[in-house]
């Protein structure tokens, strides 16, 4: 684990192919990818990640991803309700992988979420509960983490 004596963390949410890549359905349709490219968002994000890594801060990627059978997908959601119809946002696919250009330091945590909120049904709140950082890798993984430094997003 990458503990910081200052107890700082950088949380990076949904920088995944489907949402942030021009090849992603949501990235192209909603204009997210164009915005990211136009304003140099990935370069700025990488600078933040590098700084957090230098400072010893905890780095956490929280990404959207649904199970193979779409059981976790909120079918009535105005945002994600049709993901199964479009075949997007399934864990373990290109759709939910972190953008290749985003720096993923060794030791970064990767958590998976099924709602807009990074806190809904994820261990994020418990990671920040005192005492800081006493959970182990197995505890995080058993509550939805896909591992550390894997680059697989919601694998």
Protein backbone atom coordinates (compact mmCIF):
# COMPACT_ATOMS: atom_id res chain seq x y z
CA UNK A 1 0.00 0.00 0.00
CA UNK A 2 1.13 3.52 -0.74
CA UNK A 3 0.42 5.27 2.58
CA UNK A 4 1.11 8.93 3.03
CA UNK A 5 2.14 10.42 6.31
CA UNK A 6 -0.13 13.33 5.40
CA UNK A 7 -3.06 10.96 4.72
CA UNK A 8 -3.66 12.33 1.25
CA UNK A 9 -5.37 10.49 -1.58
CA UNK A 10 -6.05 11.11 -5.25
CA UNK A 11 -9.27 9.52 -6.52
CA UNK A 12 -9.55 9.14 -10.29
CA UNK A 13 -13.06 8.31 -11.48
CA UNK A 14 -14.19 6.82 -14.81
CA UNK A 15 -11.21 7.52 -17.05
CA UNK A 16 -12.17 4.39 -18.96
CA UNK A 17 -12.27 3.71 -22.70
CA UNK A 18 -16.06 3.70 -23.09
CA UNK A 19 -16.43 7.12 -21.50
CA UNK A 20 -13.17 8.92 -22.28
CA UNK A 21 -11.99 7.48 -25.61
CA UNK A 22 -13.17 8.72 -29.03
CA UNK A 23 -13.80 5.05 -29.90
CA UNK A 24 -16.12 4.65 -26.92
CA UNK A 25 -19.84 5.01 -27.50
CA UNK A 26 -20.27 7.39 -24.58
CA UNK A 27 -16.98 9.19 -25.23
CA UNK A 28 -18.01 10.00 -28.79
CA UNK A 29 -21.76 10.46 -28.34
CA UNK A 30 -21.64 12.65 -25.25
CA UNK A 31 -18.57 14.63 -26.36
CA UNK A 32 -16.45 13.61 -23.36
CA UNK A 33 -13.53 12.44 -25.51
CA UNK A 34 -13.47 15.67 -27.52
CA UNK A 35 -13.43 17.73 -24.33
CA UNK A 36 -10.64 15.60 -22.85
CA UNK A 37 -8.55 16.05 -25.99
CA UNK A 38 -9.32 19.76 -26.50
CA UNK A 39 -8.34 20.73 -22.97
CA UNK A 40 -5.42 18.35 -22.44
CA UNK A 41 -7.14 16.59 -19.56
CA UNK A 42 -5.07 13.38 -19.67
CA UNK A 43 -1.77 15.30 -19.55
CA UNK A 44 -3.05 17.32 -16.59
CA UNK A 45 -4.31 14.16 -14.88
CA UNK A 46 -0.94 12.46 -15.37
CA UNK A 47 0.79 15.44 -13.75
CA UNK A 48 -1.55 15.09 -10.75
CA UNK A 49 -0.92 11.35 -10.56
CA UNK A 50 2.85 11.84 -10.76
CA UNK A 51 2.72 14.46 -8.02
CA UNK A 52 0.56 12.24 -5.80
CA UNK A 53 2.95 9.36 -6.36
CA UNK A 54 5.99 11.53 -5.49
CA UNK A 55 4.21 12.76 -2.36
CA UNK A 56 3.38 9.22 -1.25
CA UNK A 57 -0.36 9.75 -1.52
CA UNK A 58 -2.76 6.87 -1.92
CA UNK A 59 -3.91 6.69 -5.56
CA UNK A 60 -7.31 5.15 -6.23
CA UNK A 61 -8.98 4.48 -9.58
CA UNK A 62 -12.76 4.01 -9.29
CA UNK A 63 -14.31 2.84 -12.53
CA UNK A 64 -17.71 1.81 -13.78
CA UNK A 65 -18.27 -1.81 -14.74
CA UNK A 66 -21.10 -4.33 -14.78
CA UNK A 67 -21.00 -8.10 -14.45
CA UNK A 68 -21.30 -10.47 -17.42
CA UNK A 69 -25.01 -11.12 -16.83
CA UNK A 70 -25.85 -7.43 -16.28
CA UNK A 71 -27.31 -8.26 -12.84
CA UNK A 72 -25.58 -5.24 -11.26
CA UNK A 73 -26.73 -2.83 -13.93
CA UNK A 74 -29.49 -0.44 -12.81
CA UNK A 75 -31.97 -1.02 -15.67
CA UNK A 76 -34.08 2.01 -14.70
CA UNK A 77 -31.12 4.39 -14.61
CA UNK A 78 -31.41 7.28 -17.08
CA UNK A 79 -27.62 7.12 -17.48
CA UNK A 80 -26.77 3.38 -17.48
CA UNK A 81 -30.16 1.76 -18.13
CA UNK A 82 -29.41 0.78 -21.73
CA UNK A 83 -25.79 -0.32 -21.30
CA UNK A 84 -26.79 -3.96 -21.81
CA UNK A 85 -28.57 -3.10 -25.07
CA UNK A 86 -25.44 -1.43 -26.43
CA UNK A 87 -23.12 -4.10 -25.02
CA UNK A 88 -20.99 -1.57 -23.15
CA UNK A 89 -19.46 -1.18 -19.70
CA UNK A 90 -18.98 -4.88 -18.95
CA UNK A 91 -16.11 -5.63 -16.57
CA UNK A 92 -13.08 -7.25 -18.11
CA UNK A 93 -13.60 -5.71 -21.55
CA UNK A 94 -11.95 -2.87 -23.47
CA UNK A 95 -14.95 -0.76 -22.46
CA UNK A 96 -13.97 -0.64 -18.77
CA UNK A 97 -10.18 -0.50 -19.08
CA UNK A 98 -8.44 2.68 -17.95
CA UNK A 99 -7.35 4.84 -20.88
CA UNK A 100 -3.91 3.61 -21.98
CA UNK A 101 -2.46 7.15 -21.81
CA UNK A 102 -3.35 7.51 -18.11
CA UNK A 103 -0.42 6.70 -15.82
CA UNK A 104 -1.28 3.91 -13.37
CA UNK A 105 1.41 3.67 -10.72
CA UNK A 106 2.30 0.36 -9.16
CA UNK A 107 0.42 0.15 -5.89
CA UNK A 108 -2.60 2.15 -7.05
CA UNK A 109 -5.93 0.69 -5.96
CA UNK A 110 -8.56 -0.17 -8.57
CA UNK A 111 -12.17 -0.27 -7.38
CA UNK A 112 -15.27 -1.07 -9.40
CA UNK A 113 -18.60 0.72 -9.09
CA UNK A 114 -22.04 0.17 -10.59
CA UNK A 115 -23.59 3.58 -9.99
CA UNK A 116 -22.63 7.20 -10.59
CA UNK A 117 -21.39 7.56 -7.01
CA UNK A 118 -17.91 6.23 -6.26
CA UNK A 119 -19.11 5.49 -2.72
CA UNK A 120 -22.23 3.43 -3.54
CA UNK A 121 -21.51 -0.27 -2.77
CA UNK A 122 -17.72 0.19 -2.90
CA UNK A 123 -15.18 0.06 -0.06
CA UNK A 124 -14.16 3.68 -0.66
CA UNK A 125 -15.67 5.05 2.56
CA UNK A 126 -14.12 2.28 4.66
CA UNK A 127 -10.69 2.95 3.12
CA UNK A 128 -10.86 6.47 4.54
CA UNK A 129 -12.33 5.46 7.89
CA UNK A 130 -9.92 5.76 10.79
CA UNK A 131 -7.44 4.35 11.37
CA UNK A 132 -6.10 5.26 7.92
CA UNK A 133 -4.97 2.38 5.76
CA UNK A 134 -5.30 -0.59 8.11
CA UNK A 135 -7.34 -2.67 5.68
CA UNK A 136 -5.38 -5.24 3.72
CA UNK A 137 -5.45 -6.01 0.00
CA UNK A 138 -7.69 -9.03 0.50
CA UNK A 139 -10.26 -6.87 2.31
CA UNK A 140 -10.36 -4.38 -0.52
CA UNK A 141 -10.58 -7.04 -3.19
CA UNK A 142 -13.39 -8.87 -1.40
CA UNK A 143 -15.43 -5.66 -1.50
CA UNK A 144 -15.18 -4.92 -5.23
CA UNK A 145 -11.55 -4.01 -5.91
CA UNK A 146 -10.09 -5.46 -9.05
CA UNK A 147 -6.57 -5.29 -7.69
CA UNK A 148 -3.69 -2.90 -7.63
CA UNK A 149 -1.81 -1.59 -10.63
CA UNK A 150 -3.52 -4.04 -12.95
CA UNK A 151 -4.60 -1.51 -15.59
CA UNK A 152 -7.66 -3.65 -16.12
CA UNK A 153 -10.15 -1.19 -14.71
CA UNK A 154 -13.12 -3.23 -13.52
CA UNK A 155 -11.64 -6.63 -14.38
